Amino acid sequence: MIKDIAIEIQGIILETLPNASFRVELSNGHVVMVHSLRKPYIRILTGDRVTVEITPYGLNRGLLIYRIR
């Protein structure tokens, strides 16, 4: 049910934070804090382009779902 209303948007990693968290600037200019899933470990560095999934209920937090090459 959450997947149906989630918004996918692209952004750039600004800062790497502890516990698999990142600060991301979205393509519309907003800065959000996202976390990454730990199971499929992907090396993510500052400056990488990523796809972020956010819900309309919490627009300042999100989930990092894909790293764009």
N, C-alpha and C. Protein backbone atom coordinates (compact mmCIF):
# COMPACT_ATOMS: atom_id res chain seq x y z
N MET A 1 0.82 -1.19 0.00
CA MET A 1 0.00 0.00 0.00
C MET A 1 0.86 1.25 0.00
N ILE A 2 1.94 1.27 0.76
CA ILE A 2 2.83 2.42 0.77
C ILE A 2 3.48 2.59 -0.59
N LYS A 3 3.81 1.49 -1.27
CA LYS A 3 4.45 1.58 -2.58
C LYS A 3 3.56 2.31 -3.58
N ASP A 4 2.24 2.21 -3.42
CA ASP A 4 1.33 2.84 -4.37
C ASP A 4 1.38 4.36 -4.30
N ILE A 5 1.66 4.92 -3.13
CA ILE A 5 1.62 6.37 -2.99
C ILE A 5 3.01 6.99 -2.87
N ALA A 6 4.05 6.19 -2.99
CA ALA A 6 5.41 6.72 -2.87
C ALA A 6 5.78 7.51 -4.12
N ILE A 7 6.61 8.54 -3.92
CA ILE A 7 7.07 9.41 -5.01
C ILE A 7 8.54 9.11 -5.25
N GLU A 8 8.89 8.80 -6.50
CA GLU A 8 10.29 8.57 -6.85
C GLU A 8 10.84 9.82 -7.51
N ILE A 9 12.01 10.26 -7.04
CA ILE A 9 12.63 11.47 -7.56
C ILE A 9 14.15 11.29 -7.52
N GLN A 10 14.85 11.94 -8.43
CA GLN A 10 16.30 11.81 -8.49
C GLN A 10 16.98 12.94 -7.72
N GLY A 11 18.19 12.66 -7.26
CA GLY A 11 18.94 13.66 -6.52
C GLY A 11 20.42 13.33 -6.51
N ILE A 12 21.19 14.17 -5.80
CA ILE A 12 22.64 14.02 -5.69
C ILE A 12 23.01 13.95 -4.21
N ILE A 13 23.89 13.01 -3.85
CA ILE A 13 24.35 12.87 -2.47
C ILE A 13 25.21 14.07 -2.10
N LEU A 14 24.81 14.78 -1.04
CA LEU A 14 25.59 15.92 -0.56
C LEU A 14 26.54 15.53 0.56
N GLU A 15 26.07 14.62 1.43
CA GLU A 15 26.84 14.30 2.63
C GLU A 15 26.53 12.87 3.06
N THR A 16 27.55 12.17 3.52
CA THR A 16 27.37 10.83 4.06
C THR A 16 27.30 10.93 5.57
N LEU A 17 26.27 10.34 6.16
CA LEU A 17 26.03 10.38 7.60
C LEU A 17 26.18 8.97 8.17
N PRO A 18 26.28 8.84 9.50
CA PRO A 18 26.40 7.50 10.09
C PRO A 18 25.13 6.67 9.90
N ASN A 19 25.27 5.36 10.08
CA ASN A 19 24.17 4.40 10.04
C ASN A 19 23.47 4.35 8.69
N ALA A 20 24.23 4.36 7.62
CA ALA A 20 23.71 4.22 6.25
C ALA A 20 22.70 5.31 5.92
N SER A 21 22.94 6.53 6.40
CA SER A 21 22.09 7.67 6.10
C SER A 21 22.85 8.67 5.23
N PHE A 22 22.10 9.43 4.46
CA PHE A 22 22.70 10.39 3.54
C PHE A 22 21.85 11.65 3.48
N ARG A 23 22.48 12.77 3.19
CA ARG A 23 21.77 14.01 2.91
C ARG A 23 21.79 14.18 1.40
N VAL A 24 20.60 14.32 0.79
CA VAL A 24 20.46 14.33 -0.67
C VAL A 24 19.76 15.61 -1.11
N GLU A 25 20.31 16.25 -2.15
CA GLU A 25 19.63 17.38 -2.77
C GLU A 25 18.83 16.84 -3.95
N LEU A 26 17.52 17.02 -3.90
CA LEU A 26 16.65 16.51 -4.95
C LEU A 26 16.71 17.40 -6.18
N SER A 27 16.17 16.91 -7.28
CA SER A 27 16.21 17.66 -8.54
C SER A 27 15.38 18.94 -8.47
N ASN A 28 14.44 19.02 -7.51
CA ASN A 28 13.64 20.24 -7.37
C ASN A 28 14.25 21.22 -6.37
N GLY A 29 15.44 20.91 -5.83
CA GLY A 29 16.15 21.83 -4.95
C GLY A 29 16.00 21.56 -3.47
N HIS A 30 15.07 20.71 -3.06
CA HIS A 30 14.89 20.39 -1.65
C HIS A 30 16.02 19.48 -1.17
N VAL A 31 16.38 19.61 0.10
CA VAL A 31 17.39 18.74 0.71
C VAL A 31 16.67 17.84 1.71
N VAL A 32 16.82 16.53 1.56
CA VAL A 32 16.17 15.56 2.44
C VAL A 32 17.21 14.61 3.00
N MET A 33 16.85 13.95 4.10
CA MET A 33 17.70 12.94 4.69
C MET A 33 17.13 11.58 4.31
N VAL A 34 17.95 10.72 3.74
CA VAL A 34 17.49 9.40 3.31
C VAL A 34 18.35 8.33 3.96
N HIS A 35 17.79 7.13 4.03
CA HIS A 35 18.58 6.00 4.52
C HIS A 35 18.60 4.93 3.44
N SER A 36 19.60 4.09 3.52
CA SER A 36 19.81 3.04 2.53
C SER A 36 19.54 1.70 3.18
N LEU A 37 19.09 0.75 2.38
CA LEU A 37 18.94 -0.61 2.87
C LEU A 37 20.31 -1.22 3.06
N ARG A 38 20.52 -1.91 4.15
CA ARG A 38 21.84 -2.45 4.45
C ARG A 38 22.08 -3.82 3.81
N LYS A 39 21.03 -4.54 3.52
CA LYS A 39 21.21 -5.90 3.00
C LYS A 39 21.89 -5.91 1.63
N PRO A 40 21.35 -5.26 0.60
CA PRO A 40 22.10 -5.23 -0.66
C PRO A 40 23.12 -4.10 -0.61
N TYR A 41 24.31 -4.38 -0.10
CA TYR A 41 25.30 -3.33 0.12
C TYR A 41 25.78 -2.75 -1.19
N ILE A 42 25.63 -1.46 -1.34
CA ILE A 42 26.10 -0.73 -2.51
C ILE A 42 26.95 0.43 -2.01
N ARG A 43 28.14 0.59 -2.56
CA ARG A 43 29.00 1.69 -2.15
C ARG A 43 28.46 2.98 -2.73
N ILE A 44 28.10 3.91 -1.86
CA ILE A 44 27.55 5.20 -2.28
C ILE A 44 28.46 6.29 -1.74
N LEU A 45 28.90 7.18 -2.63
CA LEU A 45 29.83 8.24 -2.27
C LEU A 45 29.20 9.60 -2.51
N THR A 46 29.78 10.63 -1.92
CA THR A 46 29.33 11.99 -2.12
C THR A 46 29.44 12.35 -3.60
N GLY A 47 28.38 12.93 -4.15
CA GLY A 47 28.36 13.31 -5.56
C GLY A 47 27.66 12.31 -6.45
N ASP A 48 27.33 11.13 -5.95
CA ASP A 48 26.62 10.13 -6.76
C ASP A 48 25.18 10.57 -7.03
N ARG A 49 24.68 10.24 -8.22
CA ARG A 49 23.27 10.48 -8.54
C ARG A 49 22.48 9.26 -8.10
N VAL A 50 21.36 9.49 -7.42
CA VAL A 50 20.56 8.40 -6.87
C VAL A 50 19.08 8.66 -7.12
N THR A 51 18.30 7.60 -7.01
CA THR A 51 16.85 7.70 -7.03
C THR A 51 16.35 7.50 -5.60
N VAL A 52 15.51 8.41 -5.15
CA VAL A 52 15.00 8.41 -3.78
C VAL A 52 13.49 8.22 -3.81
N GLU A 53 12.98 7.49 -2.85
CA GLU A 53 11.55 7.27 -2.73
C GLU A 53 11.07 7.97 -1.46
N ILE A 54 10.12 8.89 -1.59
CA ILE A 54 9.56 9.58 -0.43
C ILE A 54 8.05 9.43 -0.45
N THR A 55 7.44 9.56 0.72
CA THR A 55 5.98 9.50 0.80
C THR A 55 5.44 10.91 1.00
N PRO A 56 4.20 11.15 0.63
CA PRO A 56 3.62 12.48 0.84
C PRO A 56 3.44 12.83 2.32
N TYR A 57 3.54 11.84 3.20
CA TYR A 57 3.33 12.08 4.63
C TYR A 57 4.57 12.64 5.31
N GLY A 58 5.75 12.34 4.79
CA GLY A 58 6.99 12.83 5.37
C GLY A 58 7.94 13.26 4.27
N LEU A 59 7.85 14.49 3.84
CA LEU A 59 8.61 14.94 2.69
C LEU A 59 10.07 15.26 3.01
N ASN A 60 10.47 15.19 4.28
CA ASN A 60 11.86 15.50 4.62
C ASN A 60 12.70 14.25 4.88
N ARG A 61 12.10 13.05 4.74
CA ARG A 61 12.82 11.80 4.90
C ARG A 61 12.47 10.87 3.75
N GLY A 62 13.40 9.98 3.42
CA GLY A 62 13.13 9.08 2.31
C GLY A 62 13.97 7.83 2.35
N LEU A 63 13.83 7.02 1.31
CA LEU A 63 14.55 5.77 1.18
C LEU A 63 15.32 5.78 -0.12
N LEU A 64 16.60 5.49 -0.04
CA LEU A 64 17.44 5.43 -1.23
C LEU A 64 17.22 4.08 -1.89
N ILE A 65 16.74 4.08 -3.15
CA ILE A 65 16.41 2.81 -3.77
C ILE A 65 17.32 2.43 -4.93
N TYR A 66 18.04 3.39 -5.53
CA TYR A 66 18.85 3.05 -6.70
C TYR A 66 19.96 4.06 -6.88
N ARG A 67 21.14 3.59 -7.24
CA ARG A 67 22.25 4.47 -7.59
C ARG A 67 22.38 4.51 -9.11
N ILE A 68 22.36 5.70 -9.69
CA ILE A 68 22.43 5.87 -11.14
C ILE A 68 23.89 5.90 -11.54
N ARG A 69 24.25 5.15 -12.56
CA ARG A 69 25.64 5.08 -13.00
C ARG A 69 25.99 6.18 -13.94
